[in-house]
Amino acid sequence: MTFTPVQDSPLVETPEPIEVLIEEARQKTRRRRARFAFVALMALGIVVGLITWNNVGRTAPRASGVTTLSAVSTGAVRCNVAHLRVTSLGAPGGSMHDGVIVRVHNVGANACTLSGYATVQGINRWNERVLTGTPTRTSYLGGWNSSKPLPTVTLRAKIGIASFLVTGVDAAITNPSCPNFKVLRVTIPPSTAVFALPTYFNACRGGFQVHPFVPGVTGNVEPT
């Protein structure tokens, strides 16, 4: 009878109880860290989602003065007439009152300010200076309708506009005290440079008025 020797099974090391406990603790720590990372990532995703949702369809706020051409302010220097362009158009009349809106455009590279009144002379068809406008806060057609001090208007660089009204009582052009104007000669103090504006309206002596510079393009502001 032949006997085949049986090989001894390799030795299997049995870990010590303390090592088992350490390994379990490490696994628990790794699981806790994984859960914490997952929760933190979810919270970050929720915050980003809320911010995105809150901004959907919302336009960025406009900086003050970006879209407006002029505003009441005192932050810039007085406008140099070399950097101004002056235009005019008829104002809506009513109740025998007629008028012209004069617009002052800042074409310079820097913001500047206007305040107070321009000087306006009415010129007839014979190129005669017949009337000089009287500085007046407001009238039937508008102006600065407030008891507050006159505004200092800041015109933005290159695109800023301020305006003022020139008004008069509309009357028969045959009345010698109510001449018909063909041109308005406008000067903006302290300069003496003249802007000649073609026009067609008449005003009576004592009723030819110039209103102050105001923000905007209508020559008319009612402060709140």
C-alpha atoms as a PDB file:
ATOM      1  CA  MET A   1       0.000   0.000   0.000  1.00  0.00           C
ATOM      2  CA  THR A   2       1.295   3.319  -0.967  1.00  0.00           C
ATOM      3  CA  PHE A   3       0.730   6.399   1.144  1.00  0.00           C
ATOM      4  CA  THR A   4       0.707   9.800  -0.493  1.00  0.00           C
ATOM      5  CA  PRO A   5       2.029  12.419   1.843  1.00  0.00           C
ATOM      6  CA  VAL A   6      -0.408  15.189   2.601  1.00  0.00           C
ATOM      7  CA  GLN A   7       1.026  18.735   2.404  1.00  0.00           C
ATOM      8  CA  ASP A   8       0.367  20.943   5.273  1.00  0.00           C
ATOM      9  CA  SER A   9      -2.035  23.851   4.515  1.00  0.00           C
ATOM     10  CA  PRO A  10      -0.297  27.214   4.399  1.00  0.00           C
ATOM     11  CA  LEU A  11      -0.504  29.122   7.558  1.00  0.00           C
ATOM     12  CA  VAL A  12      -3.288  31.726   7.694  1.00  0.00           C
ATOM     13  CA  GLU A  13      -2.504  34.687   9.831  1.00  0.00           C
ATOM     14  CA  THR A  14      -5.344  35.716  12.045  1.00  0.00           C
ATOM     15  CA  PRO A  15      -5.323  39.421  12.731  1.00  0.00           C
ATOM     16  CA  GLU A  16      -5.223  40.597  16.236  1.00  0.00           C
ATOM     17  CA  PRO A  17      -8.499  42.038  17.598  1.00  0.00           C
ATOM     18  CA  ILE A  18      -6.915  45.516  17.964  1.00  0.00           C
ATOM     19  CA  GLU A  19      -5.969  45.602  14.265  1.00  0.00           C
ATOM     20  CA  VAL A  20      -9.531  44.723  13.285  1.00  0.00           C
ATOM     21  CA  LEU A  21     -10.840  47.605  15.353  1.00  0.00           C
ATOM     22  CA  ILE A  22      -8.367  50.047  13.787  1.00  0.00           C
ATOM     23  CA  GLU A  23      -9.303  49.008  10.262  1.00  0.00           C
ATOM     24  CA  GLU A  24     -13.025  49.342  11.009  1.00  0.00           C
ATOM     25  CA  ALA A  25     -12.437  52.805  12.422  1.00  0.00           C
ATOM     26  CA  ARG A  26     -10.557  53.817   9.285  1.00  0.00           C
ATOM     27  CA  GLN A  27     -13.360  52.581   7.069  1.00  0.00           C
ATOM     28  CA  LYS A  28     -15.952  54.474   9.127  1.00  0.00           C
ATOM     29  CA  THR A  29     -13.851  57.647   8.860  1.00  0.00           C
ATOM     30  CA  ARG A  30     -13.595  57.272   5.079  1.00  0.00           C
ATOM     31  CA  ARG A  31     -17.363  56.766   4.822  1.00  0.00           C
ATOM     32  CA  ARG A  32     -18.044  59.828   6.976  1.00  0.00           C
ATOM     33  CA  ARG A  33     -15.714  61.939   4.807  1.00  0.00           C
ATOM     34  CA  ALA A  34     -17.386  60.706   1.652  1.00  0.00           C
ATOM     35  CA  ARG A  35     -20.844  61.532   3.041  1.00  0.00           C
ATOM     36  CA  PHE A  36     -19.651  65.013   4.115  1.00  0.00           C
ATOM     37  CA  ALA A  37     -18.139  65.711   0.694  1.00  0.00           C
ATOM     38  CA  PHE A  38     -21.366  64.607  -0.995  1.00  0.00           C
ATOM     39  CA  VAL A  39     -23.521  66.810   1.250  1.00  0.00           C
ATOM     40  CA  ALA A  40     -21.201  69.817   0.722  1.00  0.00           C
ATOM     41  CA  LEU A  41     -21.287  69.329  -3.046  1.00  0.00           C
ATOM     42  CA  MET A  42     -25.091  69.136  -3.022  1.00  0.00           C
ATOM     43  CA  ALA A  43     -25.343  72.311  -0.916  1.00  0.00           C
ATOM     44  CA  LEU A  44     -23.008  74.165  -3.295  1.00  0.00           C
ATOM     45  CA  GLY A  45     -25.100  73.051  -6.255  1.00  0.00           C
ATOM     46  CA  ILE A  46     -28.292  74.325  -4.589  1.00  0.00           C
ATOM     47  CA  VAL A  47     -26.716  77.728  -3.834  1.00  0.00           C
ATOM     48  CA  VAL A  48     -25.465  78.141  -7.408  1.00  0.00           C
ATOM     49  CA  GLY A  49     -28.861  77.115  -8.730  1.00  0.00           C
ATOM     50  CA  LEU A  50     -30.675  79.663  -6.561  1.00  0.00           C
ATOM     51  CA  ILE A  51     -28.328  82.471  -7.645  1.00  0.00           C
ATOM     52  CA  THR A  52     -28.774  81.557 -11.309  1.00  0.00           C
ATOM     53  CA  TRP A  53     -32.553  81.379 -10.976  1.00  0.00           C
ATOM     54  CA  ASN A  54     -32.668  84.714  -9.165  1.00  0.00           C
ATOM     55  CA  ASN A  55     -30.790  86.396 -12.029  1.00  0.00           C
ATOM     56  CA  VAL A  56     -32.774  84.879 -14.900  1.00  0.00           C
ATOM     57  CA  GLY A  57     -34.453  87.626 -16.931  1.00  0.00           C
ATOM     58  CA  ARG A  58     -32.976  90.386 -14.806  1.00  0.00           C
ATOM     59  CA  THR A  59     -31.029  93.123 -16.572  1.00  0.00           C
ATOM     60  CA  ALA A  60     -27.970  94.606 -14.982  1.00  0.00           C
ATOM     61  CA  PRO A  61     -28.647  97.770 -13.013  1.00  0.00           C
ATOM     62  CA  ARG A  62     -27.811 100.929 -14.902  1.00  0.00           C
ATOM     63  CA  ALA A  63     -25.251 103.197 -13.416  1.00  0.00           C
ATOM     64  CA  SER A  64     -26.469 106.637 -12.475  1.00  0.00           C
ATOM     65  CA  GLY A  65     -26.331 109.027 -15.403  1.00  0.00           C
ATOM     66  CA  VAL A  66     -25.477 106.358 -18.002  1.00  0.00           C
ATOM     67  CA  THR A  67     -28.741 106.552 -19.884  1.00  0.00           C
ATOM     68  CA  THR A  68     -29.694 110.080 -19.031  1.00  0.00           C
ATOM     69  CA  LEU A  69     -28.096 112.902 -20.957  1.00  0.00           C
ATOM     70  CA  SER A  70     -28.022 115.348 -18.079  1.00  0.00           C
ATOM     71  CA  ALA A  71     -28.759 115.553 -14.385  1.00  0.00           C
ATOM     72  CA  VAL A  72     -28.852 118.028 -11.524  1.00  0.00           C
ATOM     73  CA  SER A  73     -25.361 118.014 -10.067  1.00  0.00           C
ATOM     74  CA  THR A  74     -22.405 120.167  -9.055  1.00  0.00           C
ATOM     75  CA  GLY A  75     -19.490 117.842  -9.797  1.00  0.00           C
ATOM     76  CA  ALA A  76     -18.000 119.244 -13.023  1.00  0.00           C
ATOM     77  CA  VAL A  77     -16.659 122.543 -14.323  1.00  0.00           C
ATOM     78  CA  ARG A  78     -18.650 125.164 -16.207  1.00  0.00           C
ATOM     79  CA  CYS A  79     -19.157 124.306 -19.873  1.00  0.00           C
ATOM     80  CA  ASN A  80     -16.801 125.931 -22.377  1.00  0.00           C
ATOM     81  CA  VAL A  81     -18.806 127.243 -25.341  1.00  0.00           C
ATOM     82  CA  ALA A  82     -16.116 125.910 -27.669  1.00  0.00           C
ATOM     83  CA  HIS A  83     -17.396 122.438 -26.747  1.00  0.00           C
ATOM     84  CA  LEU A  84     -21.101 123.238 -27.109  1.00  0.00           C
ATOM     85  CA  ARG A  85     -23.547 122.973 -29.989  1.00  0.00           C
ATOM     86  CA  VAL A  86     -26.874 124.806 -29.731  1.00  0.00           C
ATOM     87  CA  THR A  87     -30.081 123.859 -31.557  1.00  0.00           C
ATOM     88  CA  SER A  88     -33.749 124.839 -31.323  1.00  0.00           C
ATOM     89  CA  LEU A  89     -37.257 123.719 -32.194  1.00  0.00           C
ATOM     90  CA  GLY A  90     -40.730 125.043 -31.638  1.00  0.00           C
ATOM     91  CA  ALA A  91     -42.342 124.491 -28.260  1.00  0.00           C
ATOM     92  CA  PRO A  92     -45.989 123.423 -27.960  1.00  0.00           C
ATOM     93  CA  GLY A  93     -47.946 126.662 -27.604  1.00  0.00           C
ATOM     94  CA  GLY A  94     -51.303 127.463 -26.106  1.00  0.00           C
ATOM     95  CA  SER A  95     -53.549 130.239 -24.868  1.00  0.00           C
ATOM     96  CA  MET A  96     -51.819 132.869 -27.041  1.00  0.00           C
ATOM     97  CA  HIS A  97     -48.387 131.783 -25.781  1.00  0.00           C
ATOM     98  CA  ASP A  98     -45.650 130.791 -28.192  1.00  0.00           C
ATOM     99  CA  GLY A  99     -42.149 129.557 -27.584  1.00  0.00           C
ATOM    100  CA  VAL A 100     -38.947 127.833 -28.595  1.00  0.00           C
ATOM    101  CA  ILE A 101     -37.040 124.991 -26.921  1.00  0.00           C
ATOM    102  CA  VAL A 102     -33.297 125.659 -27.011  1.00  0.00           C
ATOM    103  CA  ARG A 103     -31.054 122.624 -26.545  1.00  0.00           C
ATOM    104  CA  VAL A 104     -27.406 122.829 -25.550  1.00  0.00           C
ATOM    105  CA  HIS A 105     -25.328 119.802 -26.566  1.00  0.00           C
ATOM    106  CA  ASN A 106     -21.989 118.969 -24.967  1.00  0.00           C
ATOM    107  CA  VAL A 107     -19.728 117.682 -27.752  1.00  0.00           C
ATOM    108  CA  GLY A 108     -16.567 117.890 -25.640  1.00  0.00           C
ATOM    109  CA  ALA A 109     -14.583 115.024 -24.159  1.00  0.00           C
ATOM    110  CA  ASN A 110     -15.398 115.959 -20.550  1.00  0.00           C
ATOM    111  CA  ALA A 111     -18.559 116.469 -18.546  1.00  0.00           C
ATOM    112  CA  CYS A 112     -19.431 120.066 -17.753  1.00  0.00           C
ATOM    113  CA  THR A 113     -22.164 122.094 -16.063  1.00  0.00           C
ATOM    114  CA  LEU A 114     -24.636 124.831 -16.911  1.00  0.00           C
ATOM    115  CA  SER A 115     -26.694 126.901 -14.519  1.00  0.00           C
ATOM    116  CA  GLY A 116     -28.693 130.088 -14.479  1.00  0.00           C
ATOM    117  CA  TYR A 117     -29.882 131.747 -17.680  1.00  0.00           C
ATOM    118  CA  ALA A 118     -28.671 132.243 -21.209  1.00  0.00           C
ATOM    119  CA  THR A 119     -28.954 135.665 -22.788  1.00  0.00           C
ATOM    120  CA  VAL A 120     -31.391 135.730 -25.721  1.00  0.00           C
ATOM    121  CA  GLN A 121     -32.102 138.531 -28.159  1.00  0.00           C
ATOM    122  CA  GLY A 122     -34.899 138.496 -30.708  1.00  0.00           C
ATOM    123  CA  ILE A 123     -33.868 139.683 -34.193  1.00  0.00           C
ATOM    124  CA  ASN A 124     -36.395 140.835 -36.783  1.00  0.00           C
ATOM    125  CA  ARG A 125     -36.285 140.393 -40.548  1.00  0.00           C
ATOM    126  CA  TRP A 126     -34.239 143.586 -40.965  1.00  0.00           C
ATOM    127  CA  ASN A 127     -31.561 142.071 -38.712  1.00  0.00           C
ATOM    128  CA  GLU A 128     -32.433 144.495 -35.977  1.00  0.00           C
ATOM    129  CA  ARG A 129     -32.152 143.596 -32.314  1.00  0.00           C
ATOM    130  CA  VAL A 130     -35.638 144.369 -31.112  1.00  0.00           C
ATOM    131  CA  LEU A 131     -36.108 142.583 -27.781  1.00  0.00           C
ATOM    132  CA  THR A 132     -33.986 140.962 -25.082  1.00  0.00           C
ATOM    133  CA  GLY A 133     -35.555 138.141 -23.112  1.00  0.00           C
ATOM    134  CA  THR A 134     -36.283 138.658 -19.433  1.00  0.00           C
ATOM    135  CA  PRO A 135     -34.915 135.906 -17.128  1.00  0.00           C
ATOM    136  CA  THR A 136     -37.991 134.165 -15.704  1.00  0.00           C
ATOM    137  CA  ARG A 137     -38.256 130.926 -13.739  1.00  0.00           C
ATOM    138  CA  THR A 138     -41.449 129.676 -15.321  1.00  0.00           C
ATOM    139  CA  SER A 139     -44.392 130.710 -17.439  1.00  0.00           C
ATOM    140  CA  TYR A 140     -47.501 129.272 -19.018  1.00  0.00           C
ATOM    141  CA  LEU A 141     -45.455 126.951 -21.255  1.00  0.00           C
ATOM    142  CA  GLY A 142     -43.152 125.669 -18.531  1.00  0.00           C
ATOM    143  CA  GLY A 143     -39.641 126.221 -17.218  1.00  0.00           C
ATOM    144  CA  TRP A 144     -38.345 125.665 -13.671  1.00  0.00           C
ATOM    145  CA  ASN A 145     -41.597 125.375 -11.784  1.00  0.00           C
ATOM    146  CA  SER A 146     -40.179 125.448  -8.274  1.00  0.00           C
ATOM    147  CA  SER A 147     -39.240 127.826  -5.481  1.00  0.00           C
ATOM    148  CA  LYS A 148     -36.037 125.835  -4.971  1.00  0.00           C
ATOM    149  CA  PRO A 149     -32.696 127.292  -6.141  1.00  0.00           C
ATOM    150  CA  LEU A 150     -32.056 127.030  -9.866  1.00  0.00           C
ATOM    151  CA  PRO A 151     -30.424 123.722 -10.815  1.00  0.00           C
ATOM    152  CA  THR A 152     -26.831 123.168 -11.824  1.00  0.00           C
ATOM    153  CA  VAL A 153     -27.107 120.783 -14.755  1.00  0.00           C
ATOM    154  CA  THR A 154     -24.295 118.338 -15.545  1.00  0.00           C
ATOM    155  CA  LEU A 155     -23.952 117.409 -19.213  1.00  0.00           C
ATOM    156  CA  ARG A 156     -22.283 114.071 -19.889  1.00  0.00           C
ATOM    157  CA  ALA A 157     -19.197 114.073 -22.089  1.00  0.00           C
ATOM    158  CA  LYS A 158     -19.939 114.030 -25.841  1.00  0.00           C
ATOM    159  CA  ILE A 159     -23.682 113.337 -25.534  1.00  0.00           C
ATOM    160  CA  GLY A 160     -24.977 115.513 -22.686  1.00  0.00           C
ATOM    161  CA  ILE A 161     -27.908 117.850 -23.295  1.00  0.00           C
ATOM    162  CA  ALA A 162     -29.467 120.625 -21.243  1.00  0.00           C
ATOM    163  CA  SER A 163     -32.325 122.800 -22.422  1.00  0.00           C
ATOM    164  CA  PHE A 164     -34.290 125.956 -21.708  1.00  0.00           C
ATOM    165  CA  LEU A 165     -37.432 127.653 -22.961  1.00  0.00           C
ATOM    166  CA  VAL A 166     -37.775 131.001 -24.686  1.00  0.00           C
ATOM    167  CA  THR A 167     -41.399 132.151 -24.552  1.00  0.00           C
ATOM    168  CA  GLY A 168     -43.588 135.052 -25.559  1.00  0.00           C
ATOM    169  CA  VAL A 169     -47.186 136.103 -25.960  1.00  0.00           C
ATOM    170  CA  ASP A 170     -48.420 135.355 -29.463  1.00  0.00           C
ATOM    171  CA  ALA A 171     -50.002 138.414 -31.038  1.00  0.00           C
ATOM    172  CA  ALA A 172     -50.672 139.987 -34.417  1.00  0.00           C
ATOM    173  CA  ILE A 173     -47.398 140.513 -36.249  1.00  0.00           C
ATOM    174  CA  THR A 174     -48.603 143.961 -37.327  1.00  0.00           C
ATOM    175  CA  ASN A 175     -48.424 145.160 -33.723  1.00  0.00           C
ATOM    176  CA  PRO A 176     -45.145 147.110 -33.475  1.00  0.00           C
ATOM    177  CA  SER A 177     -44.764 146.238 -29.787  1.00  0.00           C
ATOM    178  CA  CYS A 178     -45.007 142.521 -30.628  1.00  0.00           C
ATOM    179  CA  PRO A 179     -42.349 141.975 -33.322  1.00  0.00           C
ATOM    180  CA  ASN A 180     -41.926 138.843 -35.351  1.00  0.00           C
ATOM    181  CA  PHE A 181     -38.550 137.167 -34.789  1.00  0.00           C
ATOM    182  CA  LYS A 182     -36.539 135.572 -37.584  1.00  0.00           C
ATOM    183  CA  VAL A 183     -33.468 134.769 -35.504  1.00  0.00           C
ATOM    184  CA  LEU A 184     -32.653 134.243 -31.840  1.00  0.00           C
ATOM    185  CA  ARG A 185     -29.163 135.258 -30.769  1.00  0.00           C
ATOM    186  CA  VAL A 186     -28.138 133.127 -27.809  1.00  0.00           C
ATOM    187  CA  THR A 187     -25.107 133.668 -25.594  1.00  0.00           C
ATOM    188  CA  ILE A 188     -24.160 131.440 -22.669  1.00  0.00           C
ATOM    189  CA  PRO A 189     -22.434 133.400 -19.884  1.00  0.00           C
ATOM    190  CA  PRO A 190     -19.690 134.036 -19.091  1.00  0.00           C
ATOM    191  CA  SER A 191     -18.869 133.727 -22.809  1.00  0.00           C
ATOM    192  CA  THR A 192     -19.953 136.388 -25.280  1.00  0.00           C
ATOM    193  CA  ALA A 193     -19.930 134.005 -28.256  1.00  0.00           C
ATOM    194  CA  VAL A 194     -23.211 134.144 -30.174  1.00  0.00           C
ATOM    195  CA  PHE A 195     -25.255 131.200 -31.438  1.00  0.00           C
ATOM    196  CA  ALA A 196     -27.692 132.364 -34.137  1.00  0.00           C
ATOM    197  CA  LEU A 197     -30.833 130.188 -34.262  1.00  0.00           C
ATOM    198  CA  PRO A 198     -33.358 130.599 -37.087  1.00  0.00           C
ATOM    199  CA  THR A 199     -36.883 130.856 -35.717  1.00  0.00           C
ATOM    200  CA  TYR A 200     -40.346 132.150 -36.441  1.00  0.00           C
ATOM    201  CA  PHE A 201     -42.452 133.487 -33.623  1.00  0.00           C
ATOM    202  CA  ASN A 202     -43.396 136.803 -32.156  1.00  0.00           C
ATOM    203  CA  ALA A 203     -43.512 138.165 -28.631  1.00  0.00           C
ATOM    204  CA  CYS A 204     -44.748 141.375 -27.117  1.00  0.00           C
ATOM    205  CA  ARG A 205     -42.550 143.822 -25.299  1.00  0.00           C
ATOM    206  CA  GLY A 206     -42.517 142.900 -21.630  1.00  0.00           C
ATOM    207  CA  GLY A 207     -43.645 139.335 -22.405  1.00  0.00           C
ATOM    208  CA  PHE A 208     -40.467 137.986 -24.020  1.00  0.00           C
ATOM    209  CA  GLN A 209     -39.007 135.566 -21.444  1.00  0.00           C
ATOM    210  CA  VAL A 210     -36.015 133.268 -21.053  1.00  0.00           C
ATOM    211  CA  HIS A 211     -36.215 130.357 -18.634  1.00  0.00           C
ATOM    212  CA  PRO A 212     -33.277 128.678 -16.843  1.00  0.00           C
ATOM    213  CA  PHE A 213     -31.182 125.713 -17.922  1.00  0.00           C
ATOM    214  CA  VAL A 214     -32.816 122.451 -16.840  1.00  0.00           C
ATOM    215  CA  PRO A 215     -31.974 118.753 -17.297  1.00  0.00           C
ATOM    216  CA  GLY A 216     -33.441 116.980 -20.297  1.00  0.00           C
ATOM    217  CA  VAL A 217     -34.582 118.114 -23.728  1.00  0.00           C
ATOM    218  CA  THR A 218     -37.973 119.782 -23.165  1.00  0.00           C
ATOM    219  CA  GLY A 219     -36.908 122.904 -21.298  1.00  0.00           C
ATOM    220  CA  ASN A 220     -39.526 122.095 -18.695  1.00  0.00           C
ATOM    221  CA  VAL A 221     -39.022 120.462 -15.288  1.00  0.00           C
ATOM    222  CA  GLU A 222     -41.314 120.262 -12.295  1.00  0.00           C
ATOM    223  CA  PRO A 223     -39.126 119.193  -9.361  1.00  0.00           C
ATOM    224  CA  THR A 224     -40.596 116.722  -6.904  1.00  0.00           C
END
